[in-house]
Structure formats: C-alpha cells, structure tokens
C-alpha cells in the first residue's frame, strides 16, 4: 500500500501512516528502503512526489563535493526530456519484459494447476471405480461362508433322507420276505 506524505503550507512534511512529521532525509531513507510513497500538497491535493524527490537529489548533491560534474548537469538541463527518456527507456523495457515474463509464468502455473486438477479428478474417478469393484468382490467373498453353511445343512438333510430311504427299503424287503410289518407312519423318524 502506498504511504501518503502531506506537505503543509508551512513546508513541513507529515507522514499519515506514522502520524508524525517527517524530514527529507527520512523520506530519502524510505525510498532507498523500497517504500512506495506519494507526497501530496495538503491544500491543493496536487501530487508533488517528483518535485520532492528532485529536491532530495538537489539537497544530496549540495552536500557532496564530488557530485555530478557541472557539464553533466548542464547536459541534463539542455537535453531536457530527451535525457530523461533515455534514462527511462531501459527501465520501461525492463518493466515490459518483466511483465511479459510474469504473464508467462502465470499462464504456466495456470496450466500446471489445470493439469493437477484434471489428474486429481481422474484419480478420484478411478478410486470410485476401484472401491465399487472391491465392494463387489468383498460381497461375493462374504457370501461364501454362508453358502458353505447352507451346503452343509443340505448335506445333513440329504444324509437324513438317505438314512430314511435305506430304512424304508429294509422294511419293504423284510415285508416281502414275510417278516415284520411296515410302519404305517413312514415319516416317524424324519426331523
């Protein structure tokens, strides 16, 4: 977020974030530290950031005996906007290149996110199919013990029925041979 500095008619600068007056040296330190700030005239609301930063450069150059050579300063003034444009051109090119690369990275990361999302959906669908198949297999396996129990019960019944049939055959043979009588209740020994 941009830090707002107000300049009052008495030329004092006021930092609205810190609620305190601030000096040009402190503003210079903020700029050097990478702070994004905007300086406005409190009365008119006019943005005076450029003028204030130029004033900071001016004050800084006054204190340096080995500052910019006089010929360089004259050249800057004489060439006017051309000099500033030459300074800004590489910065603008760098900014544009940075923007293009940032967009390319964003597009690449979007493609990766889309791929990951698509892969995750495929994995989820596959997991559902595997779960369904596993559930079916478990259902079939869990019926095997029940089927074995039913088979044992049927074998027991068949054994009982075979015993009864054998007994009835013996009684019929015995009656034919003139022996004992056949029981009038053929189901008396049935379970």
N, C-alpha and C. Protein backbone atom coordinates (compact mmCIF):
# COMPACT_ATOMS: atom_id res chain seq x y z
N UNK A 1 0.85 -1.17 0.00
CA UNK A 1 0.00 0.00 0.00
C UNK A 1 0.90 1.24 0.00
N UNK A 2 0.48 2.23 -0.73
CA UNK A 2 1.28 3.46 -0.86
C UNK A 2 1.17 4.29 0.41
N UNK A 3 2.32 4.71 0.88
CA UNK A 3 2.39 5.56 2.08
C UNK A 3 2.19 7.00 1.64
N UNK A 4 1.30 7.73 2.31
CA UNK A 4 0.97 9.11 1.95
C UNK A 4 1.70 10.08 2.89
N UNK A 5 2.40 11.04 2.26
CA UNK A 5 3.07 12.12 2.99
C UNK A 5 2.40 13.42 2.54
N UNK A 6 2.00 14.24 3.49
CA UNK A 6 1.36 15.52 3.15
C UNK A 6 2.33 16.66 3.42
N UNK A 7 2.35 17.64 2.49
CA UNK A 7 3.16 18.84 2.70
C UNK A 7 2.21 19.98 3.04
N UNK A 8 2.45 20.59 4.19
CA UNK A 8 1.59 21.69 4.66
C UNK A 8 2.12 23.03 4.15
N UNK A 9 1.29 24.07 4.22
CA UNK A 9 1.72 25.41 3.75
C UNK A 9 3.00 25.90 4.42
N UNK A 10 3.27 25.46 5.65
CA UNK A 10 4.49 25.88 6.33
C UNK A 10 5.70 25.05 5.86
N UNK A 11 5.52 24.23 4.79
CA UNK A 11 6.54 23.40 4.14
C UNK A 11 6.94 22.18 4.97
N UNK A 12 6.24 21.94 6.08
CA UNK A 12 6.52 20.74 6.86
C UNK A 12 5.86 19.54 6.19
N UNK A 13 6.52 18.40 6.31
CA UNK A 13 6.02 17.15 5.72
C UNK A 13 5.46 16.27 6.83
N UNK A 14 4.29 15.67 6.59
CA UNK A 14 3.60 14.90 7.62
C UNK A 14 3.33 13.49 7.10
N UNK A 15 3.84 12.50 7.82
CA UNK A 15 3.64 11.09 7.47
C UNK A 15 2.31 10.63 8.05
N UNK A 16 1.33 10.36 7.18
CA UNK A 16 -0.01 10.00 7.67
C UNK A 16 -0.04 8.60 8.27
N UNK A 17 0.87 7.71 7.85
CA UNK A 17 0.91 6.37 8.43
C UNK A 17 1.41 6.39 9.87
N UNK A 18 2.45 7.19 10.12
CA UNK A 18 3.05 7.24 11.45
C UNK A 18 2.48 8.36 12.31
N UNK A 19 1.65 9.20 11.70
CA UNK A 19 1.06 10.36 12.40
C UNK A 19 2.13 11.22 13.05
N UNK A 20 3.15 11.56 12.25
CA UNK A 20 4.25 12.37 12.77
C UNK A 20 4.88 13.15 11.61
N UNK A 21 5.58 14.22 11.96
CA UNK A 21 6.30 14.97 10.93
C UNK A 21 7.50 14.16 10.48
N UNK A 22 7.92 14.38 9.24
CA UNK A 22 9.00 13.60 8.65
C UNK A 22 9.91 14.56 7.88
N UNK A 23 11.21 14.24 7.84
CA UNK A 23 12.19 15.10 7.15
C UNK A 23 12.48 14.54 5.76
N UNK A 24 13.16 15.38 4.95
CA UNK A 24 13.57 14.92 3.63
C UNK A 24 14.53 13.73 3.74
N UNK A 25 15.40 13.77 4.74
CA UNK A 25 16.35 12.67 4.95
C UNK A 25 15.61 11.37 5.26
N UNK A 26 14.54 11.47 6.05
CA UNK A 26 13.77 10.27 6.37
C UNK A 26 13.03 9.75 5.13
N UNK A 27 12.53 10.68 4.30
CA UNK A 27 11.88 10.28 3.05
C UNK A 27 12.89 9.59 2.15
N UNK A 28 14.11 10.15 2.08
CA UNK A 28 15.17 9.53 1.28
C UNK A 28 15.44 8.10 1.76
N UNK A 29 15.50 7.92 3.07
CA UNK A 29 15.75 6.59 3.64
C UNK A 29 14.60 5.63 3.28
N UNK A 30 13.37 6.12 3.32
CA UNK A 30 12.23 5.28 2.95
C UNK A 30 12.31 4.85 1.49
N UNK A 31 12.64 5.80 0.61
CA UNK A 31 12.76 5.49 -0.82
C UNK A 31 13.88 4.49 -1.05
N UNK A 32 15.02 4.70 -0.41
CA UNK A 32 16.14 3.76 -0.54
C UNK A 32 15.75 2.37 -0.03
N UNK A 33 14.89 2.33 0.97
CA UNK A 33 14.43 1.06 1.52
C UNK A 33 13.34 0.38 0.69
N UNK A 34 12.96 1.03 -0.41
CA UNK A 34 11.97 0.42 -1.29
C UNK A 34 10.53 0.76 -0.95
N UNK A 35 10.33 1.68 -0.04
CA UNK A 35 8.98 2.08 0.36
C UNK A 35 8.29 2.81 -0.79
N UNK A 36 7.05 2.45 -1.06
CA UNK A 36 6.24 3.13 -2.08
C UNK A 36 5.52 4.27 -1.39
N UNK A 37 5.83 5.50 -1.81
CA UNK A 37 5.18 6.64 -1.16
C UNK A 37 4.73 7.68 -2.17
N UNK A 38 3.80 8.47 -1.72
CA UNK A 38 3.24 9.55 -2.55
C UNK A 38 3.19 10.80 -1.68
N UNK A 39 3.68 11.91 -2.23
CA UNK A 39 3.71 13.17 -1.48
C UNK A 39 2.70 14.10 -2.13
N UNK A 40 1.77 14.62 -1.33
CA UNK A 40 0.72 15.50 -1.86
C UNK A 40 0.71 16.82 -1.11
N UNK A 41 0.33 17.87 -1.85
CA UNK A 41 0.15 19.18 -1.23
C UNK A 41 -1.16 19.12 -0.45
N UNK A 42 -1.12 19.40 0.84
CA UNK A 42 -2.30 19.28 1.68
C UNK A 42 -3.41 20.23 1.27
N UNK A 43 -3.06 21.40 0.77
CA UNK A 43 -4.07 22.40 0.40
C UNK A 43 -4.73 22.06 -0.93
N UNK A 44 -3.93 21.80 -1.97
CA UNK A 44 -4.49 21.59 -3.31
C UNK A 44 -4.73 20.12 -3.63
N UNK A 45 -4.09 19.20 -2.91
CA UNK A 45 -4.21 17.78 -3.21
C UNK A 45 -3.33 17.35 -4.37
N UNK A 46 -2.52 18.28 -4.91
CA UNK A 46 -1.66 18.01 -6.05
C UNK A 46 -0.54 17.04 -5.65
N UNK A 47 -0.23 16.10 -6.55
CA UNK A 47 0.86 15.15 -6.32
C UNK A 47 2.18 15.86 -6.57
N UNK A 48 2.99 15.99 -5.53
CA UNK A 48 4.28 16.69 -5.65
C UNK A 48 5.45 15.74 -5.37
N UNK A 49 5.20 14.44 -5.61
CA UNK A 49 6.23 13.43 -5.33
C UNK A 49 7.49 13.68 -6.15
N UNK A 50 7.34 13.91 -7.46
CA UNK A 50 8.51 14.12 -8.33
C UNK A 50 9.32 15.33 -7.88
N UNK A 51 8.63 16.42 -7.60
CA UNK A 51 9.34 17.65 -7.19
C UNK A 51 10.07 17.43 -5.88
N UNK A 52 9.44 16.70 -4.95
CA UNK A 52 10.07 16.46 -3.65
C UNK A 52 11.29 15.56 -3.80
N UNK A 53 11.18 14.52 -4.62
CA UNK A 53 12.32 13.63 -4.83
C UNK A 53 13.45 14.37 -5.54
N UNK A 54 13.11 15.24 -6.50
CA UNK A 54 14.14 16.06 -7.16
C UNK A 54 14.81 16.98 -6.15
N UNK A 55 14.03 17.51 -5.22
CA UNK A 55 14.59 18.37 -4.17
C UNK A 55 15.54 17.57 -3.28
N UNK A 56 15.18 16.31 -2.99
CA UNK A 56 16.06 15.46 -2.18
C UNK A 56 17.38 15.24 -2.92
N UNK A 57 17.31 14.99 -4.23
CA UNK A 57 18.53 14.82 -5.03
C UNK A 57 19.35 16.11 -4.99
N UNK A 58 18.68 17.25 -5.13
CA UNK A 58 19.36 18.55 -5.08
C UNK A 58 20.08 18.72 -3.74
N UNK A 59 19.37 18.46 -2.64
CA UNK A 59 19.98 18.62 -1.31
C UNK A 59 21.14 17.65 -1.14
N UNK A 60 20.99 16.46 -1.67
CA UNK A 60 22.04 15.46 -1.56
C UNK A 60 23.28 15.89 -2.36
N UNK A 61 23.07 16.44 -3.54
CA UNK A 61 24.18 16.90 -4.39
C UNK A 61 24.89 18.10 -3.77
N UNK A 62 24.17 18.94 -3.03
CA UNK A 62 24.80 20.10 -2.39
C UNK A 62 25.83 19.67 -1.36
N UNK A 63 25.60 18.56 -0.70
CA UNK A 63 26.49 18.12 0.37
C UNK A 63 27.67 17.32 -0.15
N UNK A 64 27.65 16.93 -1.41
CA UNK A 64 28.74 16.11 -1.98
C UNK A 64 29.64 16.98 -2.84
N UNK A 65 30.87 17.17 -2.42
CA UNK A 65 31.78 17.97 -3.23
C UNK A 65 32.13 17.28 -4.55
N UNK A 66 32.06 15.97 -4.58
CA UNK A 66 32.40 15.24 -5.80
C UNK A 66 31.13 14.79 -6.53
N UNK A 67 30.06 15.55 -6.42
CA UNK A 67 28.78 15.22 -7.05
C UNK A 67 28.89 15.18 -8.56
N UNK A 68 27.77 15.25 -9.21
CA UNK A 68 27.75 15.21 -10.67
C UNK A 68 28.54 16.39 -11.23
N UNK A 69 29.32 16.14 -12.26
CA UNK A 69 30.08 17.24 -12.88
C UNK A 69 29.13 18.28 -13.46
N UNK A 70 29.61 19.51 -13.47
CA UNK A 70 28.81 20.64 -13.96
C UNK A 70 28.37 20.42 -15.41
N UNK A 71 29.24 19.88 -16.23
CA UNK A 71 28.89 19.62 -17.63
C UNK A 71 27.72 18.62 -17.74
N UNK A 72 27.71 17.62 -16.87
CA UNK A 72 26.62 16.64 -16.88
C UNK A 72 25.31 17.31 -16.51
N UNK A 73 25.35 18.15 -15.48
CA UNK A 73 24.13 18.86 -15.07
C UNK A 73 23.64 19.76 -16.18
N UNK A 74 24.57 20.48 -16.85
CA UNK A 74 24.17 21.34 -17.98
C UNK A 74 23.55 20.49 -19.10
N UNK A 75 24.17 19.34 -19.35
CA UNK A 75 23.67 18.45 -20.40
C UNK A 75 22.26 17.97 -20.10
N UNK A 76 22.01 17.68 -18.84
CA UNK A 76 20.67 17.24 -18.44
C UNK A 76 19.66 18.35 -18.71
N UNK A 77 20.02 19.55 -18.30
CA UNK A 77 19.10 20.69 -18.49
C UNK A 77 18.91 20.99 -19.97
N UNK A 78 19.99 20.96 -20.74
CA UNK A 78 19.90 21.28 -22.16
C UNK A 78 19.11 20.23 -22.95
N UNK A 79 19.32 18.97 -22.62
CA UNK A 79 18.62 17.93 -23.38
C UNK A 79 17.19 17.74 -22.90
N UNK A 80 16.90 18.24 -21.72
CA UNK A 80 15.53 18.20 -21.20
C UNK A 80 14.95 16.80 -21.18
N UNK A 81 13.79 16.64 -21.84
CA UNK A 81 13.07 15.37 -21.80
C UNK A 81 13.82 14.26 -22.50
N UNK A 82 14.63 14.61 -23.49
CA UNK A 82 15.36 13.58 -24.22
C UNK A 82 16.25 12.78 -23.27
N UNK A 83 16.93 13.46 -22.37
CA UNK A 83 17.80 12.79 -21.40
C UNK A 83 16.97 11.89 -20.49
N UNK A 84 15.87 12.42 -20.01
CA UNK A 84 15.00 11.64 -19.12
C UNK A 84 14.45 10.43 -19.86
N UNK A 85 14.06 10.62 -21.12
CA UNK A 85 13.56 9.50 -21.91
C UNK A 85 14.62 8.43 -22.10
N UNK A 86 15.87 8.87 -22.33
CA UNK A 86 16.96 7.90 -22.47
C UNK A 86 17.18 7.13 -21.17
N UNK A 87 17.01 7.79 -20.06
CA UNK A 87 17.14 7.10 -18.78
C UNK A 87 15.96 6.15 -18.55
N UNK A 88 14.77 6.59 -18.94
CA UNK A 88 13.58 5.79 -18.68
C UNK A 88 13.43 4.62 -19.64
N UNK A 89 13.98 4.74 -20.84
CA UNK A 89 13.80 3.70 -21.86
C UNK A 89 14.23 2.31 -21.37
N UNK A 90 15.45 2.15 -20.85
CA UNK A 90 15.83 0.81 -20.37
C UNK A 90 14.92 0.34 -19.23
N UNK A 91 14.53 1.27 -18.38
CA UNK A 91 13.66 0.90 -17.26
C UNK A 91 12.31 0.43 -17.80
N UNK A 92 11.77 1.17 -18.78
CA UNK A 92 10.49 0.79 -19.38
C UNK A 92 10.60 -0.56 -20.07
N UNK A 93 11.71 -0.77 -20.78
CA UNK A 93 11.91 -2.05 -21.45
C UNK A 93 12.00 -3.18 -20.43
N UNK A 94 12.74 -2.94 -19.37
CA UNK A 94 12.87 -3.94 -18.32
C UNK A 94 11.51 -4.23 -17.70
N UNK A 95 10.74 -3.18 -17.43
CA UNK A 95 9.42 -3.33 -16.83
C UNK A 95 8.51 -4.16 -17.74
N UNK A 96 8.55 -3.87 -19.05
CA UNK A 96 7.72 -4.60 -20.02
C UNK A 96 8.16 -6.06 -20.10
N UNK A 97 9.46 -6.29 -20.14
CA UNK A 97 9.98 -7.66 -20.17
C UNK A 97 9.58 -8.41 -18.90
N UNK A 98 9.68 -7.74 -17.78
CA UNK A 98 9.27 -8.35 -16.51
C UNK A 98 7.79 -8.70 -16.54
N UNK A 99 6.95 -7.78 -17.07
CA UNK A 99 5.51 -8.03 -17.15
C UNK A 99 5.22 -9.24 -18.03
N UNK A 100 5.90 -9.32 -19.20
CA UNK A 100 5.69 -10.45 -20.11
C UNK A 100 6.09 -11.77 -19.45
N UNK A 101 7.23 -11.74 -18.76
CA UNK A 101 7.67 -12.97 -18.10
C UNK A 101 6.73 -13.36 -16.96
N UNK A 102 6.25 -12.37 -16.24
CA UNK A 102 5.30 -12.65 -15.16
C UNK A 102 4.01 -13.26 -15.72
N UNK A 103 3.56 -12.73 -16.87
CA UNK A 103 2.36 -13.29 -17.51
C UNK A 103 2.62 -14.72 -17.97
N UNK A 104 3.81 -14.96 -18.53
CA UNK A 104 4.14 -16.31 -18.99
C UNK A 104 4.19 -17.28 -17.82
N UNK A 105 4.76 -16.82 -16.72
CA UNK A 105 4.81 -17.67 -15.52
C UNK A 105 3.40 -17.94 -15.02
N UNK A 106 2.56 -16.91 -15.02
CA UNK A 106 1.17 -17.07 -14.58
C UNK A 106 0.43 -18.07 -15.46
N UNK A 107 0.63 -17.95 -16.80
CA UNK A 107 -0.01 -18.89 -17.72
C UNK A 107 0.51 -20.31 -17.48
N UNK A 108 1.82 -20.43 -17.27
CA UNK A 108 2.40 -21.74 -17.00
C UNK A 108 1.86 -22.34 -15.71
N UNK A 109 1.76 -21.52 -14.68
CA UNK A 109 1.25 -22.04 -13.41
C UNK A 109 -0.22 -22.40 -13.53
N UNK A 110 -0.97 -21.66 -14.35
CA UNK A 110 -2.39 -22.00 -14.57
C UNK A 110 -2.48 -23.35 -15.28
N UNK A 111 -1.61 -23.56 -16.28
CA UNK A 111 -1.60 -24.84 -16.99
C UNK A 111 -1.26 -25.98 -16.04
N UNK A 112 -0.30 -25.76 -15.15
CA UNK A 112 0.07 -26.78 -14.17
C UNK A 112 -1.10 -27.05 -13.23
N UNK A 113 -1.76 -25.96 -12.76
CA UNK A 113 -2.93 -26.14 -11.87
C UNK A 113 -4.03 -26.92 -12.58
N UNK A 114 -4.29 -26.58 -13.86
CA UNK A 114 -5.32 -27.29 -14.62
C UNK A 114 -4.95 -28.77 -14.76
N UNK A 115 -3.67 -29.04 -15.06
CA UNK A 115 -3.22 -30.43 -15.20
C UNK A 115 -3.38 -31.18 -13.88
N UNK A 116 -2.97 -30.55 -12.78
CA UNK A 116 -3.09 -31.19 -11.46
C UNK A 116 -4.56 -31.45 -11.13
N UNK A 117 -5.42 -30.46 -11.40
CA UNK A 117 -6.86 -30.64 -11.13
C UNK A 117 -7.43 -31.77 -11.96
N UNK A 118 -7.07 -31.81 -13.24
CA UNK A 118 -7.56 -32.86 -14.13
C UNK A 118 -7.08 -34.23 -13.66
N UNK A 119 -5.80 -34.30 -13.30
CA UNK A 119 -5.24 -35.56 -12.81
C UNK A 119 -5.93 -35.98 -11.52
N UNK A 120 -6.19 -35.04 -10.64
CA UNK A 120 -6.85 -35.35 -9.38
C UNK A 120 -8.26 -35.88 -9.63
N UNK A 121 -8.98 -35.26 -10.59
CA UNK A 121 -10.33 -35.76 -10.92
C UNK A 121 -10.25 -37.18 -11.45
N UNK A 122 -9.27 -37.45 -12.33
CA UNK A 122 -9.12 -38.80 -12.88
C UNK A 122 -8.81 -39.81 -11.77
N UNK A 123 -7.94 -39.42 -10.86
CA UNK A 123 -7.60 -40.30 -9.74
C UNK A 123 -8.83 -40.54 -8.88
N UNK A 124 -9.60 -39.50 -8.61
CA UNK A 124 -10.82 -39.66 -7.81
C UNK A 124 -11.81 -40.60 -8.48
N UNK A 125 -12.00 -40.44 -9.81
CA UNK A 125 -12.91 -41.32 -10.54
C UNK A 125 -12.42 -42.76 -10.50
N UNK A 126 -11.10 -42.95 -10.69
CA UNK A 126 -10.53 -44.28 -10.65
C UNK A 126 -10.71 -44.89 -9.26
N UNK A 127 -10.53 -44.10 -8.23
CA UNK A 127 -10.69 -44.58 -6.87
C UNK A 127 -12.12 -45.05 -6.62
N UNK A 128 -13.09 -44.30 -7.16
CA UNK A 128 -14.50 -44.70 -7.00
C UNK A 128 -14.74 -46.04 -7.68
N UNK A 129 -14.20 -46.21 -8.91
CA UNK A 129 -14.38 -47.49 -9.62
C UNK A 129 -13.71 -48.63 -8.85
N UNK A 130 -12.51 -48.39 -8.34
CA UNK A 130 -11.81 -49.43 -7.57
C UNK A 130 -12.60 -49.78 -6.32
N UNK A 131 -13.11 -48.76 -5.63
CA UNK A 131 -13.91 -49.00 -4.43
C UNK A 131 -15.14 -49.84 -4.75
N UNK A 132 -15.82 -49.52 -5.87
CA UNK A 132 -17.01 -50.28 -6.26
C UNK A 132 -16.65 -51.74 -6.54
N UNK A 133 -15.57 -51.97 -7.29
CA UNK A 133 -15.15 -53.34 -7.60
C UNK A 133 -14.75 -54.09 -6.33
N UNK A 134 -14.04 -53.42 -5.47
CA UNK A 134 -13.62 -54.04 -4.22
C UNK A 134 -14.84 -54.41 -3.37
N UNK A 135 -15.81 -53.51 -3.32
CA UNK A 135 -17.03 -53.76 -2.55
C UNK A 135 -17.76 -54.99 -3.12
N UNK A 136 -17.84 -55.08 -4.46
CA UNK A 136 -18.49 -56.24 -5.09
C UNK A 136 -17.74 -57.53 -4.76
N UNK A 137 -16.40 -57.47 -4.84
CA UNK A 137 -15.61 -58.66 -4.53
C UNK A 137 -15.78 -59.08 -3.07
N UNK A 138 -15.80 -58.10 -2.17
CA UNK A 138 -15.99 -58.41 -0.75
C UNK A 138 -17.37 -59.00 -0.52
N UNK A 139 -18.38 -58.46 -1.20
CA UNK A 139 -19.74 -59.01 -1.07
C UNK A 139 -19.77 -60.47 -1.51
N UNK A 140 -19.10 -60.76 -2.62
CA UNK A 140 -19.08 -62.14 -3.11
C UNK A 140 -18.33 -63.05 -2.15
N UNK A 141 -17.22 -62.55 -1.62
CA UNK A 141 -16.43 -63.36 -0.69
C UNK A 141 -17.19 -63.59 0.61
N UNK A 142 -17.90 -62.61 1.09
CA UNK A 142 -18.61 -62.76 2.36
C UNK A 142 -19.79 -63.71 2.22
N UNK A 143 -20.29 -63.97 1.02
CA UNK A 143 -21.39 -64.92 0.83
C UNK A 143 -20.88 -66.36 0.80
N UNK A 144 -19.61 -66.58 0.58
CA UNK A 144 -19.05 -67.93 0.51
C UNK A 144 -19.26 -68.69 1.82
N UNK A 145 -18.96 -68.14 2.99
CA UNK A 145 -19.20 -68.88 4.23
C UNK A 145 -20.69 -69.23 4.40
N UNK A 146 -21.56 -68.32 4.03
CA UNK A 146 -23.00 -68.58 4.14
C UNK A 146 -23.40 -69.72 3.20
N UNK A 147 -22.82 -69.70 2.00
CA UNK A 147 -23.12 -70.76 1.03
C UNK A 147 -22.60 -72.10 1.55
N UNK A 148 -21.43 -72.11 2.18
CA UNK A 148 -20.87 -73.35 2.74
C UNK A 148 -21.78 -73.89 3.84
N UNK A 149 -22.28 -72.98 4.67
CA UNK A 149 -23.18 -73.40 5.76
C UNK A 149 -24.45 -74.02 5.19
N UNK A 150 -25.01 -73.37 4.17
CA UNK A 150 -26.22 -73.90 3.53
C UNK A 150 -25.94 -75.26 2.90
N UNK A 151 -24.75 -75.42 2.28
CA UNK A 151 -24.38 -76.70 1.67
C UNK A 151 -24.29 -77.79 2.74
N UNK A 152 -23.69 -77.47 3.90
CA UNK A 152 -23.59 -78.45 4.98
C UNK A 152 -24.98 -78.86 5.48
N UNK A 153 -25.88 -77.84 5.59
CA UNK A 153 -27.25 -78.15 6.02
C UNK A 153 -27.93 -79.08 5.01
N UNK A 154 -27.74 -78.79 3.71
CA UNK A 154 -28.35 -79.65 2.68
C UNK A 154 -27.76 -81.05 2.72
N UNK A 155 -26.43 -81.14 2.95
CA UNK A 155 -25.80 -82.46 3.03
C UNK A 155 -26.35 -83.24 4.22
N UNK A 156 -26.55 -82.51 5.34
CA UNK A 156 -27.11 -83.17 6.53
C UNK A 156 -28.52 -83.67 6.23
N UNK A 157 -29.33 -82.84 5.59
CA UNK A 157 -30.70 -83.25 5.25
C UNK A 157 -30.69 -84.44 4.28
N UNK A 158 -29.77 -84.35 3.30
CA UNK A 158 -29.69 -85.45 2.34
C UNK A 158 -29.26 -86.74 3.03
N UNK A 159 -28.33 -86.65 3.97
CA UNK A 159 -27.90 -87.84 4.72
C UNK A 159 -29.06 -88.41 5.51
N UNK A 160 -29.84 -87.51 6.15
CA UNK A 160 -31.01 -87.95 6.93
C UNK A 160 -32.01 -88.63 6.00
N UNK A 161 -32.27 -88.01 4.84
CA UNK A 161 -33.22 -88.59 3.89
C UNK A 161 -32.72 -89.94 3.37
N UNK A 162 -31.39 -90.03 3.11
CA UNK A 162 -30.83 -91.30 2.65
C UNK A 162 -31.01 -92.38 3.70
N UNK A 163 -30.81 -91.99 4.97
CA UNK A 163 -31.00 -92.96 6.06
C UNK A 163 -32.44 -93.43 6.10
N UNK A 164 -33.38 -92.52 5.92
CA UNK A 164 -34.80 -92.87 5.95
C UNK A 164 -35.15 -93.76 4.75
N UNK A 165 -34.59 -93.42 3.59
CA UNK A 165 -34.84 -94.25 2.40
C UNK A 165 -34.29 -95.66 2.63
N UNK A 166 -33.08 -95.75 3.17
CA UNK A 166 -32.47 -97.06 3.45
C UNK A 166 -33.34 -97.86 4.42
N UNK A 167 -33.85 -97.20 5.45
CA UNK A 167 -34.70 -97.86 6.44
C UNK A 167 -35.98 -98.37 5.78
N UNK A 168 -36.58 -97.50 4.94
CA UNK A 168 -37.81 -97.91 4.26
C UNK A 168 -37.55 -99.10 3.32
N UNK A 169 -36.43 -99.10 2.64
CA UNK A 169 -36.10 -100.21 1.75
C UNK A 169 -35.95 -101.50 2.55
N UNK A 170 -35.32 -101.41 3.70
CA UNK A 170 -35.16 -102.59 4.54
C UNK A 170 -36.51 -103.13 4.99
N UNK A 171 -37.40 -102.21 5.37
CA UNK A 171 -38.73 -102.62 5.82
C UNK A 171 -39.50 -103.27 4.68
N UNK A 172 -39.38 -102.70 3.46
CA UNK A 172 -40.09 -103.27 2.30
C UNK A 172 -39.53 -104.65 2.00
N UNK A 173 -38.26 -104.85 2.06
CA UNK A 173 -37.64 -106.15 1.82
C UNK A 173 -38.06 -107.14 2.89
N UNK A 174 -38.11 -106.66 4.09
CA UNK A 174 -38.49 -107.54 5.19
C UNK A 174 -39.93 -107.99 5.03
N UNK A 175 -40.81 -107.12 4.58
CA UNK A 175 -42.22 -107.46 4.41
C UNK A 175 -42.37 -108.44 3.24
N UNK A 176 -41.63 -108.26 2.22
CA UNK A 176 -41.70 -109.15 1.07
C UNK A 176 -41.19 -110.55 1.44
N UNK A 177 -40.25 -110.57 2.27
CA UNK A 177 -39.72 -111.86 2.67
C UNK A 177 -40.58 -112.48 3.76
N UNK A 178 -41.69 -111.81 4.09
CA UNK A 178 -42.65 -112.34 5.03
C UNK A 178 -42.34 -112.02 6.46
N UNK A 179 -41.50 -111.14 6.68
CA UNK A 179 -41.09 -110.83 8.03
C UNK A 179 -41.96 -109.78 8.67
N UNK A 180 -41.38 -108.79 9.20
CA UNK A 180 -42.03 -107.76 10.01
C UNK A 180 -42.91 -106.86 9.17
N UNK A 181 -43.78 -106.17 9.88
CA UNK A 181 -44.69 -105.25 9.23
C UNK A 181 -44.02 -103.91 9.00
N UNK A 182 -44.53 -103.22 7.95
CA UNK A 182 -44.03 -101.89 7.64
C UNK A 182 -44.75 -100.92 8.53
N UNK A 183 -44.04 -99.98 9.03
CA UNK A 183 -44.63 -98.95 9.88
C UNK A 183 -45.63 -98.17 9.07
N UNK A 184 -46.79 -97.88 9.66
CA UNK A 184 -47.82 -97.12 8.96
C UNK A 184 -47.45 -95.66 8.82
N UNK A 185 -46.48 -95.17 9.60
CA UNK A 185 -46.05 -93.77 9.53
C UNK A 185 -44.62 -93.73 8.96
N UNK A 186 -44.51 -93.50 7.61
CA UNK A 186 -43.17 -93.51 7.01
C UNK A 186 -42.31 -92.31 7.43
N UNK A 187 -42.91 -91.28 7.98
CA UNK A 187 -42.17 -90.06 8.35
C UNK A 187 -41.87 -89.98 9.84
N UNK A 188 -42.02 -91.07 10.58
CA UNK A 188 -41.86 -91.02 12.03
C UNK A 188 -40.46 -90.64 12.47
N UNK A 189 -39.47 -90.96 11.71
CA UNK A 189 -38.10 -90.66 12.10
C UNK A 189 -37.54 -89.43 11.40
N UNK A 190 -38.40 -88.72 10.68
CA UNK A 190 -37.93 -87.52 9.99
C UNK A 190 -37.73 -86.38 10.99
N UNK A 191 -36.82 -85.51 10.71
CA UNK A 191 -36.59 -84.41 11.65
C UNK A 191 -37.68 -83.37 11.59
